N, C-alpha and C. Protein backbone atom coordinates (compact mmCIF):
# COMPACT_ATOMS: atom_id res chain seq x y z
N MET A 1 109.36 104.13 100.69
CA MET A 1 110.28 103.23 101.34
C MET A 1 111.30 104.04 102.10
N ILE A 2 111.80 103.43 103.17
CA ILE A 2 112.86 104.09 103.93
C ILE A 2 113.99 103.11 104.18
N LEU A 3 115.15 103.68 104.41
CA LEU A 3 116.32 102.93 104.82
C LEU A 3 116.36 103.05 106.33
N GLY A 4 116.58 101.95 107.04
CA GLY A 4 116.56 102.02 108.49
C GLY A 4 117.48 101.01 109.14
N ARG A 5 117.66 101.17 110.45
CA ARG A 5 118.44 100.22 111.24
C ARG A 5 117.53 99.63 112.31
N VAL A 6 117.57 98.32 112.43
CA VAL A 6 116.76 97.63 113.43
C VAL A 6 117.34 97.91 114.81
N CYS A 7 116.49 98.47 115.70
CA CYS A 7 116.93 98.84 117.04
C CYS A 7 116.40 97.90 118.12
N GLY A 8 115.41 97.09 117.78
CA GLY A 8 114.85 96.19 118.78
C GLY A 8 113.66 95.43 118.25
N THR A 9 113.05 94.65 119.13
CA THR A 9 111.87 93.88 118.77
C THR A 9 110.72 94.25 119.70
N VAL A 10 109.52 93.95 119.28
CA VAL A 10 108.33 94.21 120.08
C VAL A 10 107.79 92.88 120.57
N VAL A 11 107.52 92.81 121.87
CA VAL A 11 106.90 91.63 122.46
C VAL A 11 105.60 92.09 123.11
N ALA A 12 104.49 91.44 122.73
CA ALA A 12 103.19 91.82 123.28
C ALA A 12 102.42 90.55 123.65
N THR A 13 101.93 90.50 124.87
CA THR A 13 101.16 89.33 125.29
C THR A 13 99.73 89.38 124.78
N ILE A 14 99.20 90.58 124.61
CA ILE A 14 97.86 90.75 124.06
C ILE A 14 97.99 91.63 122.82
N GLN A 15 97.52 91.11 121.69
CA GLN A 15 97.63 91.85 120.43
C GLN A 15 96.55 91.39 119.47
N HIS A 16 96.40 92.11 118.38
CA HIS A 16 95.43 91.74 117.35
C HIS A 16 95.82 90.36 116.80
N PRO A 17 94.86 89.49 116.53
CA PRO A 17 95.16 88.15 116.03
C PRO A 17 96.03 88.14 114.76
N PHE A 18 95.96 89.19 113.96
CA PHE A 18 96.79 89.27 112.75
C PHE A 18 98.27 89.12 113.09
N TYR A 19 98.70 89.63 114.24
CA TYR A 19 100.11 89.65 114.60
C TYR A 19 100.61 88.35 115.22
N ASP A 20 99.73 87.39 115.47
CA ASP A 20 100.16 86.10 116.03
C ASP A 20 101.18 85.44 115.12
N GLY A 21 102.32 85.09 115.68
CA GLY A 21 103.36 84.41 114.92
C GLY A 21 104.18 85.30 114.02
N LYS A 22 103.95 86.60 114.05
CA LYS A 22 104.71 87.53 113.21
C LYS A 22 105.70 88.32 114.07
N LYS A 23 106.94 88.39 113.63
CA LYS A 23 107.97 89.14 114.34
C LYS A 23 107.82 90.62 114.00
N GLN A 24 107.80 91.45 115.05
CA GLN A 24 107.68 92.90 114.88
C GLN A 24 108.99 93.55 115.31
N LEU A 25 109.51 94.42 114.46
CA LEU A 25 110.80 95.08 114.72
C LEU A 25 110.61 96.58 114.89
N ILE A 26 111.45 97.15 115.74
CA ILE A 26 111.53 98.60 115.88
C ILE A 26 112.66 99.05 114.96
N VAL A 27 112.34 99.93 114.03
CA VAL A 27 113.31 100.38 113.03
C VAL A 27 113.43 101.90 113.10
N ARG A 28 114.67 102.39 113.09
CA ARG A 28 114.92 103.83 113.10
C ARG A 28 115.49 104.23 111.75
N ALA A 29 114.94 105.28 111.15
CA ALA A 29 115.37 105.76 109.84
C ALA A 29 116.83 106.21 109.88
N ILE A 30 117.56 105.92 108.80
CA ILE A 30 118.95 106.37 108.66
C ILE A 30 119.14 107.02 107.30
N THR A 31 120.20 107.81 107.18
CA THR A 31 120.59 108.40 105.90
C THR A 31 121.45 107.38 105.15
N PRO A 32 121.68 107.57 103.86
CA PRO A 32 122.50 106.61 103.11
C PRO A 32 123.91 106.43 103.66
N ASP A 33 124.44 107.43 104.37
CA ASP A 33 125.78 107.28 104.94
C ASP A 33 125.76 106.61 106.32
N GLY A 34 124.58 106.15 106.77
CA GLY A 34 124.49 105.38 108.00
C GLY A 34 124.15 106.15 109.26
N ARG A 35 124.02 107.47 109.18
CA ARG A 35 123.67 108.26 110.36
C ARG A 35 122.16 108.22 110.57
N PHE A 36 121.74 108.29 111.84
CA PHE A 36 120.30 108.32 112.12
C PHE A 36 119.70 109.59 111.54
N ASP A 37 118.51 109.44 110.96
CA ASP A 37 117.81 110.54 110.30
C ASP A 37 116.69 111.02 111.22
N GLY A 38 117.04 111.87 112.16
CA GLY A 38 116.05 112.37 113.12
C GLY A 38 115.72 111.34 114.19
N ASP A 39 114.56 111.48 114.78
CA ASP A 39 114.15 110.61 115.88
C ASP A 39 113.01 109.67 115.49
N LYS A 40 112.77 109.50 114.20
CA LYS A 40 111.64 108.70 113.74
C LYS A 40 111.89 107.20 113.96
N TYR A 41 110.93 106.56 114.65
CA TYR A 41 110.93 105.11 114.83
C TYR A 41 109.65 104.57 114.24
N ILE A 42 109.71 103.37 113.67
CA ILE A 42 108.50 102.72 113.22
C ILE A 42 108.54 101.27 113.69
N VAL A 43 107.37 100.67 113.78
CA VAL A 43 107.27 99.25 114.07
C VAL A 43 106.87 98.58 112.76
N ALA A 44 107.65 97.59 112.34
CA ALA A 44 107.41 96.93 111.05
C ALA A 44 107.41 95.42 111.22
N ILE A 45 106.58 94.77 110.42
CA ILE A 45 106.56 93.31 110.41
C ILE A 45 107.75 92.83 109.60
N ASP A 46 108.47 91.85 110.15
CA ASP A 46 109.67 91.32 109.50
C ASP A 46 109.30 90.22 108.52
N LEU A 47 109.59 90.43 107.24
CA LEU A 47 109.33 89.42 106.22
C LEU A 47 110.59 88.68 105.81
N VAL A 48 111.76 89.11 106.30
CA VAL A 48 113.03 88.58 105.79
C VAL A 48 113.97 88.00 106.84
N GLY A 49 113.62 88.03 108.11
CA GLY A 49 114.49 87.48 109.14
C GLY A 49 115.58 88.43 109.60
N ALA A 50 115.30 89.72 109.62
CA ALA A 50 116.28 90.73 110.04
C ALA A 50 116.47 90.68 111.56
N GLY A 51 117.62 91.18 112.00
CA GLY A 51 117.91 91.21 113.43
C GLY A 51 118.40 92.58 113.87
N VAL A 52 118.51 92.74 115.17
CA VAL A 52 118.95 94.01 115.76
C VAL A 52 120.33 94.38 115.22
N GLY A 53 120.45 95.65 114.82
CA GLY A 53 121.71 96.17 114.30
C GLY A 53 121.83 96.13 112.79
N GLN A 54 120.95 95.41 112.12
CA GLN A 54 121.04 95.31 110.67
C GLN A 54 120.37 96.50 109.98
N THR A 55 120.91 96.85 108.82
CA THR A 55 120.32 97.89 107.98
C THR A 55 119.30 97.23 107.08
N VAL A 56 118.11 97.83 106.99
CA VAL A 56 117.01 97.22 106.25
C VAL A 56 116.30 98.23 105.37
N ILE A 57 115.53 97.70 104.41
CA ILE A 57 114.63 98.50 103.58
C ILE A 57 113.22 98.24 104.11
N VAL A 58 112.48 99.32 104.37
CA VAL A 58 111.13 99.20 104.94
C VAL A 58 110.12 99.89 104.02
N GLU A 59 109.05 99.20 103.72
CA GLU A 59 107.91 99.81 103.03
C GLU A 59 107.04 100.40 104.13
N ASP A 60 106.91 101.71 104.15
CA ASP A 60 106.19 102.40 105.23
C ASP A 60 104.95 103.10 104.68
N GLU A 61 104.13 102.34 103.99
CA GLU A 61 102.87 102.87 103.45
C GLU A 61 101.87 101.73 103.52
N GLY A 62 100.81 101.93 104.25
CA GLY A 62 99.88 100.87 104.58
C GLY A 62 99.34 100.05 103.43
N ASN A 63 98.87 100.69 102.37
CA ASN A 63 98.28 99.94 101.27
C ASN A 63 99.31 99.04 100.60
N SER A 64 100.51 99.55 100.37
CA SER A 64 101.56 98.73 99.77
C SER A 64 101.95 97.57 100.68
N ALA A 65 102.04 97.84 101.98
CA ALA A 65 102.38 96.79 102.93
C ALA A 65 101.33 95.68 102.91
N ARG A 66 100.06 96.06 102.88
CA ARG A 66 98.99 95.06 102.85
C ARG A 66 99.03 94.26 101.55
N GLN A 67 99.33 94.91 100.44
CA GLN A 67 99.43 94.20 99.17
C GLN A 67 100.57 93.18 99.19
N LEU A 68 101.70 93.56 99.80
CA LEU A 68 102.83 92.64 99.90
C LEU A 68 102.47 91.41 100.73
N LEU A 69 101.62 91.60 101.72
CA LEU A 69 101.19 90.49 102.56
C LEU A 69 100.02 89.72 101.94
N GLY A 70 99.42 90.27 100.91
CA GLY A 70 98.29 89.63 100.27
C GLY A 70 97.01 89.70 101.08
N LEU A 71 96.92 90.72 101.94
CA LEU A 71 95.76 90.88 102.82
C LEU A 71 95.24 92.30 102.71
N LYS A 72 94.04 92.48 102.17
CA LYS A 72 93.56 93.84 101.94
C LYS A 72 93.05 94.54 103.19
N ASP A 73 92.72 93.80 104.25
CA ASP A 73 92.18 94.42 105.46
C ASP A 73 93.08 94.28 106.68
N ALA A 74 94.33 93.91 106.50
CA ALA A 74 95.24 93.69 107.63
C ALA A 74 95.56 95.01 108.32
N PRO A 75 95.64 95.01 109.66
CA PRO A 75 95.99 96.22 110.40
C PRO A 75 97.50 96.44 110.44
N VAL A 76 98.07 96.77 109.29
CA VAL A 76 99.53 96.91 109.19
C VAL A 76 99.86 98.13 108.33
N ARG A 77 100.95 98.79 108.67
CA ARG A 77 101.41 99.94 107.90
C ARG A 77 102.79 99.69 107.30
N SER A 78 103.68 98.99 108.04
CA SER A 78 105.07 98.88 107.62
C SER A 78 105.56 97.44 107.62
N VAL A 79 106.36 97.10 106.61
CA VAL A 79 106.98 95.77 106.55
C VAL A 79 108.44 95.91 106.15
N VAL A 80 109.29 95.05 106.73
CA VAL A 80 110.69 95.00 106.34
C VAL A 80 110.78 94.11 105.11
N LEU A 81 111.30 94.69 104.01
CA LEU A 81 111.36 93.99 102.72
C LEU A 81 112.71 93.38 102.41
N GLY A 82 113.76 93.92 103.00
CA GLY A 82 115.08 93.40 102.66
C GLY A 82 116.14 93.83 103.65
N ILE A 83 117.21 93.04 103.70
CA ILE A 83 118.38 93.35 104.52
C ILE A 83 119.45 93.90 103.58
N VAL A 84 119.99 95.06 103.92
CA VAL A 84 120.96 95.74 103.07
C VAL A 84 122.36 95.22 103.37
N ASP A 85 123.06 94.76 102.33
CA ASP A 85 124.44 94.29 102.49
C ASP A 85 125.43 95.43 102.39
N GLU A 86 125.15 96.36 101.47
CA GLU A 86 126.10 97.44 101.22
C GLU A 86 125.35 98.61 100.60
N ILE A 87 125.82 99.82 100.90
CA ILE A 87 125.27 101.03 100.28
C ILE A 87 126.41 101.69 99.52
N ALA A 88 126.25 101.86 98.22
CA ALA A 88 127.26 102.49 97.39
C ALA A 88 126.73 103.84 96.95
N LEU A 89 127.40 104.90 97.38
CA LEU A 89 127.01 106.24 97.00
C LEU A 89 127.80 106.69 95.78
N ALA A 90 127.13 107.35 94.86
CA ALA A 90 127.79 107.87 93.67
C ALA A 90 128.77 108.98 94.05
N PRO A 91 129.92 109.04 93.39
CA PRO A 91 130.85 110.14 93.68
C PRO A 91 130.26 111.45 93.21
N ASP A 92 130.72 112.54 93.82
CA ASP A 92 130.25 113.87 93.41
C ASP A 92 130.73 114.12 92.00
N GLU A 93 129.78 114.33 91.09
CA GLU A 93 130.12 114.50 89.68
C GLU A 93 130.02 115.95 89.22
N GLY A 94 130.09 116.88 90.14
CA GLY A 94 130.04 118.28 89.76
C GLY A 94 128.71 118.91 90.11
N PRO A 95 128.41 120.07 89.51
CA PRO A 95 127.18 120.80 89.83
C PRO A 95 125.92 119.99 89.54
N ALA A 96 124.93 120.18 90.37
CA ALA A 96 123.67 119.47 90.22
C ALA A 96 122.86 119.99 89.04
N SER A 97 123.02 121.26 88.71
CA SER A 97 122.28 121.82 87.57
C SER A 97 123.17 122.82 86.84
N PRO A 98 122.84 123.14 85.59
CA PRO A 98 123.67 124.11 84.84
C PRO A 98 123.76 125.46 85.55
N ALA A 99 122.75 125.85 86.31
CA ALA A 99 122.78 127.14 87.00
C ALA A 99 123.86 127.17 88.07
N ASP A 100 124.25 125.99 88.57
CA ASP A 100 125.28 125.92 89.61
C ASP A 100 126.70 125.95 89.04
N ALA A 101 126.82 125.78 87.74
CA ALA A 101 128.13 125.70 87.11
C ALA A 101 128.83 127.07 87.13
N THR A 102 130.13 127.01 87.28
CA THR A 102 130.93 128.23 87.24
C THR A 102 131.38 128.45 85.80
N PRO A 103 131.22 129.68 85.25
CA PRO A 103 131.65 129.92 83.87
C PRO A 103 133.14 129.70 83.72
N ALA A 104 133.56 129.15 82.60
CA ALA A 104 134.99 128.86 82.36
C ALA A 104 135.70 130.06 81.79
């Protein structure tokens, strides 16, 4: 799964019949603090009614996406699973491992 921001929608006059009536979103990966994470974009089917500018959770693995849709042969890789209301990051609680600790 990835955290992403919806950057746009896809409109296609000719497409695979599977996509008829399904909203397709362009999503760009972001870090937990909201910054874009590189230049990666994906096209995902919207299952939750997300819109441009919203932060979303995306399942970006074909088999899982097909299982969520209940279709084992669907030509899909990514689906938007949820709209994120808030991201709460844990405060820095000190060294990540005992090797990083400073002797007292």
